[in-house]
C-alpha atoms as a PDB file:
ATOM      1  CA  MET A   1     126.625  50.408  97.386  1.00  0.00           C
ATOM      2  CA  ASN A   2     125.804  49.353  93.882  1.00  0.00           C
ATOM      3  CA  ILE A   3     122.783  47.412  92.647  1.00  0.00           C
ATOM      4  CA  ASN A   4     122.297  45.219  89.599  1.00  0.00           C
ATOM      5  CA  CYS A   5     119.917  47.517  87.772  1.00  0.00           C
ATOM      6  CA  GLU A   6     118.957  45.020  85.082  1.00  0.00           C
ATOM      7  CA  LEU A   7     118.049  42.299  87.618  1.00  0.00           C
ATOM      8  CA  THR A   8     116.331  44.806  89.947  1.00  0.00           C
ATOM      9  CA  THR A   9     114.204  46.138  87.118  1.00  0.00           C
ATOM     10  CA  ARG A  10     113.153  42.648  86.057  1.00  0.00           C
ATOM     11  CA  ILE A  11     112.199  41.732  89.659  1.00  0.00           C
ATOM     12  CA  LEU A  12     110.217  44.928  90.179  1.00  0.00           C
ATOM     13  CA  GLU A  13     108.362  44.643  86.896  1.00  0.00           C
ATOM     14  CA  GLY A  14     107.371  41.094  87.864  1.00  0.00           C
ATOM     15  CA  PHE A  15     106.315  42.266  91.291  1.00  0.00           C
ATOM     16  CA  ILE A  16     103.992  44.901  89.814  1.00  0.00           C
ATOM     17  CA  ARG A  17     102.387  42.428  87.408  1.00  0.00           C
ATOM     18  CA  ASP A  18     102.022  39.736  90.078  1.00  0.00           C
ATOM     19  CA  GLU A  19     100.501  41.969  92.737  1.00  0.00           C
ATOM     20  CA  LEU A  20      97.984  43.436  90.343  1.00  0.00           C
ATOM     21  CA  SER A  21      97.049  39.999  89.107  1.00  0.00           C
ATOM     22  CA  LYS A  22      96.477  38.756  92.684  1.00  0.00           C
ATOM     23  CA  ALA A  23      94.099  41.662  93.278  1.00  0.00           C
ATOM     24  CA  SER A  24      92.397  41.290  89.875  1.00  0.00           C
ATOM     25  CA  PHE A  25      93.518  44.671  88.582  1.00  0.00           C
ATOM     26  CA  ALA A  26      95.292  45.640  85.367  1.00  0.00           C
ATOM     27  CA  ARG A  27      95.999  49.351  85.878  1.00  0.00           C
ATOM     28  CA  VAL A  28      97.692  51.677  88.353  1.00  0.00           C
ATOM     29  CA  VAL A  29      97.439  55.359  89.198  1.00  0.00           C
ATOM     30  CA  ALA A  30     100.365  57.272  90.648  1.00  0.00           C
ATOM     31  CA  GLY A  31     101.164  60.758  91.799  1.00  0.00           C
ATOM     32  CA  LEU A  32     103.859  62.153  89.511  1.00  0.00           C
ATOM     33  CA  SER A  33     105.608  65.007  91.301  1.00  0.00           C
ATOM     34  CA  GLY A  34     108.538  65.686  89.029  1.00  0.00           C
ATOM     35  CA  GLY A  35     110.827  64.009  91.553  1.00  0.00           C
ATOM     36  CA  ILE A  36     112.993  60.968  91.049  1.00  0.00           C
ATOM     37  CA  ASP A  37     111.003  58.509  93.178  1.00  0.00           C
ATOM     38  CA  SER A  38     107.658  58.961  91.476  1.00  0.00           C
ATOM     39  CA  ALA A  39     109.373  59.020  88.082  1.00  0.00           C
ATOM     40  CA  VAL A  40     111.024  55.626  88.750  1.00  0.00           C
ATOM     41  CA  SER A  41     107.772  54.079  90.016  1.00  0.00           C
ATOM     42  CA  CYS A  42     105.833  55.293  86.988  1.00  0.00           C
ATOM     43  CA  VAL A  43     108.436  54.119  84.505  1.00  0.00           C
ATOM     44  CA  LEU A  44     108.625  50.693  86.154  1.00  0.00           C
ATOM     45  CA  ALA A  45     104.834  50.403  85.959  1.00  0.00           C
ATOM     46  CA  ALA A  46     104.799  51.510  82.333  1.00  0.00           C
ATOM     47  CA  ARG A  47     107.379  48.839  81.466  1.00  0.00           C
ATOM     48  CA  ALA A  48     105.526  46.176  83.431  1.00  0.00           C
ATOM     49  CA  LEU A  49     101.964  46.945  82.353  1.00  0.00           C
ATOM     50  CA  GLY A  50     102.286  49.040  79.212  1.00  0.00           C
ATOM     51  CA  PRO A  51     102.019  52.854  79.366  1.00  0.00           C
ATOM     52  CA  GLU A  52      98.324  52.748  78.512  1.00  0.00           C
ATOM     53  CA  ASN A  53      97.712  51.061  81.874  1.00  0.00           C
ATOM     54  CA  VAL A  54      99.434  53.750  83.966  1.00  0.00           C
ATOM     55  CA  ARG A  55      97.632  56.943  84.907  1.00  0.00           C
ATOM     56  CA  ALA A  56     100.008  59.609  86.202  1.00  0.00           C
ATOM     57  CA  VAL A  57      98.380  62.452  88.174  1.00  0.00           C
ATOM     58  CA  MET A  58     100.157  65.757  88.674  1.00  0.00           C
ATOM     59  CA  MET A  59      98.774  67.578  91.747  1.00  0.00           C
ATOM     60  CA  PRO A  60     100.242  71.036  92.151  1.00  0.00           C
ATOM     61  CA  TYR A  61      99.474  73.467  94.950  1.00  0.00           C
ATOM     62  CA  LYS A  62      99.519  77.212  94.298  1.00  0.00           C
ATOM     63  CA  THR A  63     103.079  77.463  95.644  1.00  0.00           C
ATOM     64  CA  SER A  64     104.375  74.454  93.742  1.00  0.00           C
ATOM     65  CA  SER A  65     107.376  74.914  91.488  1.00  0.00           C
ATOM     66  CA  GLN A  66     106.730  75.179  87.775  1.00  0.00           C
ATOM     67  CA  GLU A  67     109.920  73.178  87.332  1.00  0.00           C
ATOM     68  CA  SER A  68     108.244  70.214  89.074  1.00  0.00           C
ATOM     69  CA  LEU A  69     105.355  70.234  86.609  1.00  0.00           C
ATOM     70  CA  THR A  70     107.763  70.587  83.673  1.00  0.00           C
ATOM     71  CA  ASP A  71     109.803  67.589  84.876  1.00  0.00           C
ATOM     72  CA  ALA A  72     106.704  65.497  85.467  1.00  0.00           C
ATOM     73  CA  GLN A  73     105.478  66.287  81.950  1.00  0.00           C
ATOM     74  CA  ALA A  74     108.884  65.247  80.588  1.00  0.00           C
ATOM     75  CA  VAL A  75     108.363  61.749  82.077  1.00  0.00           C
ATOM     76  CA  VAL A  76     104.844  61.576  80.637  1.00  0.00           C
ATOM     77  CA  ASP A  77     106.014  62.610  77.186  1.00  0.00           C
ATOM     78  CA  GLN A  78     109.140  60.389  77.097  1.00  0.00           C
ATOM     79  CA  PHE A  79     107.392  57.211  78.248  1.00  0.00           C
ATOM     80  CA  GLN A  80     103.978  57.966  76.692  1.00  0.00           C
ATOM     81  CA  ILE A  81     102.111  57.555  79.970  1.00  0.00           C
ATOM     82  CA  GLU A  82      98.494  58.678  80.373  1.00  0.00           C
ATOM     83  CA  SER A  83      98.230  61.744  82.590  1.00  0.00           C
ATOM     84  CA  GLU A  84      96.109  64.484  84.010  1.00  0.00           C
ATOM     85  CA  THR A  85      96.578  67.475  86.319  1.00  0.00           C
ATOM     86  CA  VAL A  86      94.478  68.117  89.390  1.00  0.00           C
ATOM     87  CA  ASP A  87      95.158  71.355  91.303  1.00  0.00           C
ATOM     88  CA  ILE A  88      94.814  70.719  95.059  1.00  0.00           C
ATOM     89  CA  THR A  89      94.839  74.397  96.095  1.00  0.00           C
ATOM     90  CA  ARG A  90      91.104  74.669  96.741  1.00  0.00           C
ATOM     91  CA  ILE A  91      91.074  71.379  98.695  1.00  0.00           C
ATOM     92  CA  VAL A  92      93.841  72.516 101.041  1.00  0.00           C
ATOM     93  CA  ASP A  93      92.854  76.160 101.369  1.00  0.00           C
ATOM     94  CA  GLY A  94      89.209  75.218 101.972  1.00  0.00           C
ATOM     95  CA  TYR A  95      90.284  73.656 105.251  1.00  0.00           C
ATOM     96  CA  PHE A  96      92.996  76.060 106.290  1.00  0.00           C
ATOM     97  CA  GLY A  97      90.714  79.055 105.750  1.00  0.00           C
ATOM     98  CA  SER A  98      89.444  78.204 109.235  1.00  0.00           C
ATOM     99  CA  GLN A  99      92.978  77.430 110.552  1.00  0.00           C
ATOM    100  CA  PRO A 100      94.902  80.685 109.990  1.00  0.00           C
ATOM    101  CA  GLU A 101      97.564  79.871 112.596  1.00  0.00           C
ATOM    102  CA  ALA A 102      98.471  76.501 111.062  1.00  0.00           C
ATOM    103  CA  SER A 103     102.217  75.882 110.709  1.00  0.00           C
ATOM    104  CA  THR A 104     104.020  75.225 107.449  1.00  0.00           C
ATOM    105  CA  LEU A 105     104.446  71.612 108.484  1.00  0.00           C
ATOM    106  CA  ARG A 106     100.717  71.131 109.082  1.00  0.00           C
ATOM    107  CA  ARG A 107      99.993  72.642 105.708  1.00  0.00           C
ATOM    108  CA  GLY A 108     102.594  70.428 104.057  1.00  0.00           C
ATOM    109  CA  ASN A 109     101.079  67.317 105.639  1.00  0.00           C
ATOM    110  CA  ALA A 110      97.621  68.387 104.448  1.00  0.00           C
ATOM    111  CA  MET A 111      98.919  68.775 100.889  1.00  0.00           C
ATOM    112  CA  ALA A 112     100.335  65.257 100.973  1.00  0.00           C
ATOM    113  CA  ARG A 113      97.029  63.866 102.282  1.00  0.00           C
ATOM    114  CA  ALA A 114      94.973  65.880  99.808  1.00  0.00           C
ATOM    115  CA  ARG A 115      96.997  64.351  97.008  1.00  0.00           C
ATOM    116  CA  MET A 116      96.201  60.893  98.337  1.00  0.00           C
ATOM    117  CA  ILE A 117      92.467  61.748  98.443  1.00  0.00           C
ATOM    118  CA  VAL A 118      92.777  62.536  94.757  1.00  0.00           C
ATOM    119  CA  LEU A 119      94.741  59.397  93.923  1.00  0.00           C
ATOM    120  CA  PHE A 120      92.399  56.983  95.695  1.00  0.00           C
ATOM    121  CA  ASP A 121      89.412  58.675  94.019  1.00  0.00           C
ATOM    122  CA  LYS A 122      91.158  58.337  90.658  1.00  0.00           C
ATOM    123  CA  SER A 123      91.906  54.696  91.424  1.00  0.00           C
ATOM    124  CA  MET A 124      88.179  54.103  91.676  1.00  0.00           C
ATOM    125  CA  GLU A 125      87.480  56.099  88.513  1.00  0.00           C
ATOM    126  CA  HIS A 126      89.971  54.104  86.499  1.00  0.00           C
ATOM    127  CA  ASN A 127      89.529  50.743  88.295  1.00  0.00           C
ATOM    128  CA  ALA A 128      93.213  50.836  89.265  1.00  0.00           C
ATOM    129  CA  LEU A 129      95.489  50.409  92.285  1.00  0.00           C
ATOM    130  CA  VAL A 130      97.469  53.296  93.778  1.00  0.00           C
ATOM    131  CA  LEU A 131     101.187  52.893  93.124  1.00  0.00           C
ATOM    132  CA  GLY A 132     103.547  53.825  95.946  1.00  0.00           C
ATOM    133  CA  THR A 133     106.534  56.128  95.584  1.00  0.00           C
ATOM    134  CA  SER A 134     108.246  56.002  99.017  1.00  0.00           C
ATOM    135  CA  ASN A 135     111.793  54.690  99.089  1.00  0.00           C
ATOM    136  CA  LYS A 136     113.493  52.669 101.851  1.00  0.00           C
ATOM    137  CA  THR A 137     115.451  55.597 103.212  1.00  0.00           C
ATOM    138  CA  GLU A 138     112.320  57.675 103.770  1.00  0.00           C
ATOM    139  CA  LEU A 139     110.335  54.760 105.165  1.00  0.00           C
ATOM    140  CA  LEU A 140     113.054  53.933 107.707  1.00  0.00           C
ATOM    141  CA  LEU A 141     113.481  57.530 108.806  1.00  0.00           C
ATOM    142  CA  GLY A 142     109.733  58.225 108.927  1.00  0.00           C
ATOM    143  CA  TYR A 143     110.353  61.015 106.439  1.00  0.00           C
ATOM    144  CA  GLY A 144     106.905  61.024 104.937  1.00  0.00           C
ATOM    145  CA  THR A 145     103.270  61.783 105.788  1.00  0.00           C
ATOM    146  CA  LEU A 146     101.179  58.985 107.276  1.00  0.00           C
ATOM    147  CA  TYR A 147      98.153  58.429 105.002  1.00  0.00           C
ATOM    148  CA  GLY A 148      99.774  60.915 102.640  1.00  0.00           C
ATOM    149  CA  ASP A 149     102.756  60.106 100.402  1.00  0.00           C
ATOM    150  CA  MET A 150     103.373  56.936 102.452  1.00  0.00           C
ATOM    151  CA  ALA A 151      99.971  55.481 101.473  1.00  0.00           C
ATOM    152  CA  SER A 152      99.554  53.123  98.526  1.00  0.00           C
ATOM    153  CA  ALA A 153      98.213  49.705  97.514  1.00  0.00           C
ATOM    154  CA  ILE A 154     101.578  48.423  96.198  1.00  0.00           C
ATOM    155  CA  ASN A 155     105.009  49.994  96.388  1.00  0.00           C
ATOM    156  CA  PRO A 156     107.718  48.698  94.016  1.00  0.00           C
ATOM    157  CA  ILE A 157     110.512  50.933  95.314  1.00  0.00           C
ATOM    158  CA  GLY A 158     110.060  50.623  99.109  1.00  0.00           C
ATOM    159  CA  ASP A 159     113.090  48.324  99.489  1.00  0.00           C
ATOM    160  CA  LEU A 160     115.448  50.583  97.523  1.00  0.00           C
ATOM    161  CA  TYR A 161     117.508  53.258  99.294  1.00  0.00           C
ATOM    162  CA  LYS A 162     117.498  56.762  97.795  1.00  0.00           C
ATOM    163  CA  THR A 163     120.993  56.214  96.358  1.00  0.00           C
ATOM    164  CA  ASP A 164     119.699  52.976  94.759  1.00  0.00           C
ATOM    165  CA  ILE A 165     116.874  54.992  93.180  1.00  0.00           C
ATOM    166  CA  PHE A 166     119.376  57.332  91.525  1.00  0.00           C
ATOM    167  CA  GLN A 167     121.218  54.344  90.062  1.00  0.00           C
ATOM    168  CA  LEU A 168     118.010  52.762  88.786  1.00  0.00           C
ATOM    169  CA  ALA A 169     116.736  56.068  87.395  1.00  0.00           C
ATOM    170  CA  GLY A 170     119.872  56.359  85.298  1.00  0.00           C
ATOM    171  CA  TYR A 171     119.390  52.822  83.971  1.00  0.00           C
ATOM    172  CA  LEU A 172     115.723  53.526  83.139  1.00  0.00           C
ATOM    173  CA  LYS A 173     116.735  56.731  81.338  1.00  0.00           C
ATOM    174  CA  VAL A 174     114.655  59.045  83.512  1.00  0.00           C
ATOM    175  CA  PRO A 175     114.991  62.648  82.167  1.00  0.00           C
ATOM    176  CA  GLU A 176     118.341  64.273  83.019  1.00  0.00           C
ATOM    177  CA  SER A 177     116.668  67.269  84.613  1.00  0.00           C
ATOM    178  CA  ILE A 178     115.197  64.975  87.301  1.00  0.00           C
ATOM    179  CA  LEU A 179     118.492  63.167  87.881  1.00  0.00           C
ATOM    180  CA  MET A 180     120.370  66.412  88.415  1.00  0.00           C
ATOM    181  CA  LYS A 181     118.076  68.389  90.763  1.00  0.00           C
ATOM    182  CA  LYS A 182     118.048  68.331  94.550  1.00  0.00           C
ATOM    183  CA  PRO A 183     115.402  65.978  96.034  1.00  0.00           C
ATOM    184  CA  THR A 184     112.378  67.907  97.324  1.00  0.00           C
ATOM    185  CA  ALA A 185     108.794  67.110  98.269  1.00  0.00           C
ATOM    186  CA  ASP A 186     107.871  70.560  96.893  1.00  0.00           C
ATOM    187  CA  LEU A 187     105.513  71.190  99.794  1.00  0.00           C
ATOM    188  CA  TRP A 188     106.679  74.793 100.241  1.00  0.00           C
ATOM    189  CA  ALA A 189     108.939  77.181  98.407  1.00  0.00           C
ATOM    190  CA  GLY A 190     112.623  76.340  98.697  1.00  0.00           C
ATOM    191  CA  GLN A 191     112.024  73.060 100.554  1.00  0.00           C
ATOM    192  CA  SER A 192     114.900  70.554 100.251  1.00  0.00           C
ATOM    193  CA  ASP A 193     114.838  67.021 101.617  1.00  0.00           C
ATOM    194  CA  GLU A 194     118.494  66.929 102.699  1.00  0.00           C
ATOM    195  CA  ALA A 195     118.342  70.374 104.292  1.00  0.00           C
ATOM    196  CA  GLU A 196     115.250  69.334 106.263  1.00  0.00           C
ATOM    197  CA  LEU A 197     116.813  66.029 107.342  1.00  0.00           C
ATOM    198  CA  GLY A 198     120.104  67.614 108.238  1.00  0.00           C
ATOM    199  CA  PHE A 199     122.294  65.151 106.355  1.00  0.00           C
ATOM    200  CA  THR A 200     122.799  63.872 102.842  1.00  0.00           C
ATOM    201  CA  TYR A 201     121.137  60.757 101.390  1.00  0.00           C
ATOM    202  CA  ALA A 202     124.555  59.361 100.546  1.00  0.00           C
ATOM    203  CA  ALA A 203     125.698  59.578 104.187  1.00  0.00           C
ATOM    204  CA  VAL A 204     122.518  58.235 105.746  1.00  0.00           C
ATOM    205  CA  ASP A 205     122.135  55.409 103.237  1.00  0.00           C
ATOM    206  CA  GLU A 206     125.624  54.172 104.090  1.00  0.00           C
ATOM    207  CA  LEU A 207     124.688  54.182 107.777  1.00  0.00           C
ATOM    208  CA  LEU A 208     121.261  52.602 107.217  1.00  0.00           C
ATOM    209  CA  HIS A 209     122.806  49.825 105.194  1.00  0.00           C
ATOM    210  CA  GLU A 210     125.010  48.974 108.183  1.00  0.00           C
ATOM    211  CA  LEU A 211     122.235  49.318 110.744  1.00  0.00           C
ATOM    212  CA  ILE A 212     119.432  47.569 108.888  1.00  0.00           C
ATOM    213  CA  ASP A 213     120.876  45.197 106.291  1.00  0.00           C
ATOM    214  CA  ARG A 214     124.006  44.167 108.173  1.00  0.00           C
ATOM    215  CA  ARG A 215     122.397  44.477 111.646  1.00  0.00           C
ATOM    216  CA  SER A 216     125.456  46.286 112.982  1.00  0.00           C
ATOM    217  CA  LEU A 217     125.180  47.670 116.536  1.00  0.00           C
ATOM    218  CA  PRO A 218     125.314  51.473 116.837  1.00  0.00           C
ATOM    219  CA  GLU A 219     128.301  51.369 119.195  1.00  0.00           C
ATOM    220  CA  LYS A 220     130.212  49.199 116.729  1.00  0.00           C
ATOM    221  CA  LEU A 221     129.502  51.692 113.955  1.00  0.00           C
ATOM    222  CA  VAL A 222     130.841  54.544 116.086  1.00  0.00           C
ATOM    223  CA  GLN A 223     133.985  52.495 116.568  1.00  0.00           C
ATOM    224  CA  LYS A 224     134.208  52.030 112.805  1.00  0.00           C
ATOM    225  CA  GLY A 225     134.235  55.819 112.306  1.00  0.00           C
ATOM    226  CA  PHE A 226     130.632  56.952 112.034  1.00  0.00           C
ATOM    227  CA  GLU A 227     130.005  60.178 113.977  1.00  0.00           C
ATOM    228  CA  GLU A 228     128.298  59.315 117.269  1.00  0.00           C
ATOM    229  CA  GLY A 229     125.683  62.066 117.197  1.00  0.00           C
ATOM    230  CA  PHE A 230     124.740  61.169 113.624  1.00  0.00           C
ATOM    231  CA  VAL A 231     124.311  57.482 114.519  1.00  0.00           C
ATOM    232  CA  HIS A 232     122.108  58.242 117.505  1.00  0.00           C
ATOM    233  CA  THR A 233     120.026  60.736 115.548  1.00  0.00           C
ATOM    234  CA  VAL A 234     119.300  58.174 112.852  1.00  0.00           C
ATOM    235  CA  VAL A 235     118.528  55.418 115.366  1.00  0.00           C
ATOM    236  CA  ARG A 236     116.063  57.692 117.153  1.00  0.00           C
ATOM    237  CA  LYS A 237     114.364  58.519 113.858  1.00  0.00           C
ATOM    238  CA  ILE A 238     113.989  54.826 113.037  1.00  0.00           C
ATOM    239  CA  GLN A 239     112.644  53.943 116.468  1.00  0.00           C
ATOM    240  CA  GLY A 240     110.363  56.966 116.706  1.00  0.00           C
ATOM    241  CA  SER A 241     108.710  56.375 113.328  1.00  0.00           C
ATOM    242  CA  GLN A 242     107.815  52.703 113.708  1.00  0.00           C
ATOM    243  CA  PHE A 243     104.116  53.644 114.002  1.00  0.00           C
ATOM    244  CA  LYS A 244     104.252  54.931 110.449  1.00  0.00           C
ATOM    245  CA  ARG A 245     105.416  51.570 109.082  1.00  0.00           C
ATOM    246  CA  ARG A 246     102.563  49.496 110.475  1.00  0.00           C
ATOM    247  CA  GLY A 247      98.829  49.479 110.149  1.00  0.00           C
ATOM    248  CA  PRO A 248      96.524  50.629 112.959  1.00  0.00           C
ATOM    249  CA  VAL A 249      97.125  48.544 116.094  1.00  0.00           C
ATOM    250  CA  ILE A 250      94.142  46.338 116.852  1.00  0.00           C
ATOM    251  CA  CYS A 251      93.457  45.000 120.353  1.00  0.00           C
ATOM    252  CA  LYS A 252      93.241  41.194 120.127  1.00  0.00           C
ATOM    253  CA  LEU A 253      90.024  39.757 121.604  1.00  0.00           C
ATOM    254  CA  SER A 254      89.083  36.778 119.436  1.00  0.00           C
ATOM    255  CA  PRO A 255      90.941  33.555 118.411  1.00  0.00           C
ATOM    256  CA  ARG A 256      91.787  35.033 114.986  1.00  0.00           C
ATOM    257  CA  SER A 257      92.297  38.764 114.640  1.00  0.00           C
ATOM    258  CA  VAL A 258      93.001  40.973 111.672  1.00  0.00           C
ATOM    259  CA  THR A 259      96.728  41.976 111.629  1.00  0.00           C
ATOM    260  CA  HIS A 260      97.543  39.258 114.234  1.00  0.00           C
ATOM    261  CA  ASP A 261      96.485  35.884 112.812  1.00  0.00           C
ATOM    262  CA  PHE A 262      94.555  36.516 109.623  1.00  0.00           C
ATOM    263  CA  HIS A 263      97.488  37.320 107.354  1.00  0.00           C
ATOM    264  CA  TYR A 264      98.374  34.216 105.385  1.00  0.00           C
ATOM    265  CA  LEU A 265      97.814  33.894 101.663  1.00  0.00           C
ATOM    266  CA  ARG A 266      95.560  30.896 102.243  1.00  0.00           C
ATOM    267  CA  ASP A 267      93.277  33.079 104.362  1.00  0.00           C
ATOM    268  CA  TRP A 268      92.702  35.319 101.360  1.00  0.00           C
ATOM    269  CA  GLY A 269      92.037  32.458  98.928  1.00  0.00           C
ATOM    270  CA  LEU A 270      95.420  32.775  97.169  1.00  0.00           C
END
């Protein structure tokens, strides 16, 4: 799969400007992890709004890789984006001091949500919207933390697969060190996205493109040569994570209900 990077960039820059204009904002804040997704989001915003209107926030935990901070700083320096660093160690450890048996996964989820606490606070401080950094692959697989890294006000890259992100990052001239390293959420030492998922982004993106964009049936894809267990695993992940891709479910009682009927632009005065 190949994307037209020039056209995609132009569309996404327009999207960022338009969505901020609709909400009467001129600035964004974004978590900059040193990974490829947040780098691409920040660079797109800097191109769309000017780097002075982008606030990148690095939010390390005590176990975070120094390499991640170095790579994040490389993006800040290269694209002249405003930035600051907020250490989330005390926020996370303040809670888990009373939860000594908490699993690594619980702690990782808390780190992701602590970072979003910081970002939404910074969005108020700077009168800005929070910029999303979740790609289409992660959103479809539910590979993200609800109200953590999946939270945002606008998300320019949510309809781009991970393999698309790599293509776009090259076009945008994201630092080479970010392009070459293994994708990781850096939630614990040695964590790797593909190792945790159990398959590569290249393999799953090919399958997702068939399942989602071409609406191919799973059994047809098995007949085409996709491994049956892999297909069923991915389908289960998509189905089982639907709750992460929608807002809280509201019980409808009145003639017009939020999330059911009150969702047209005219309702919001636009």
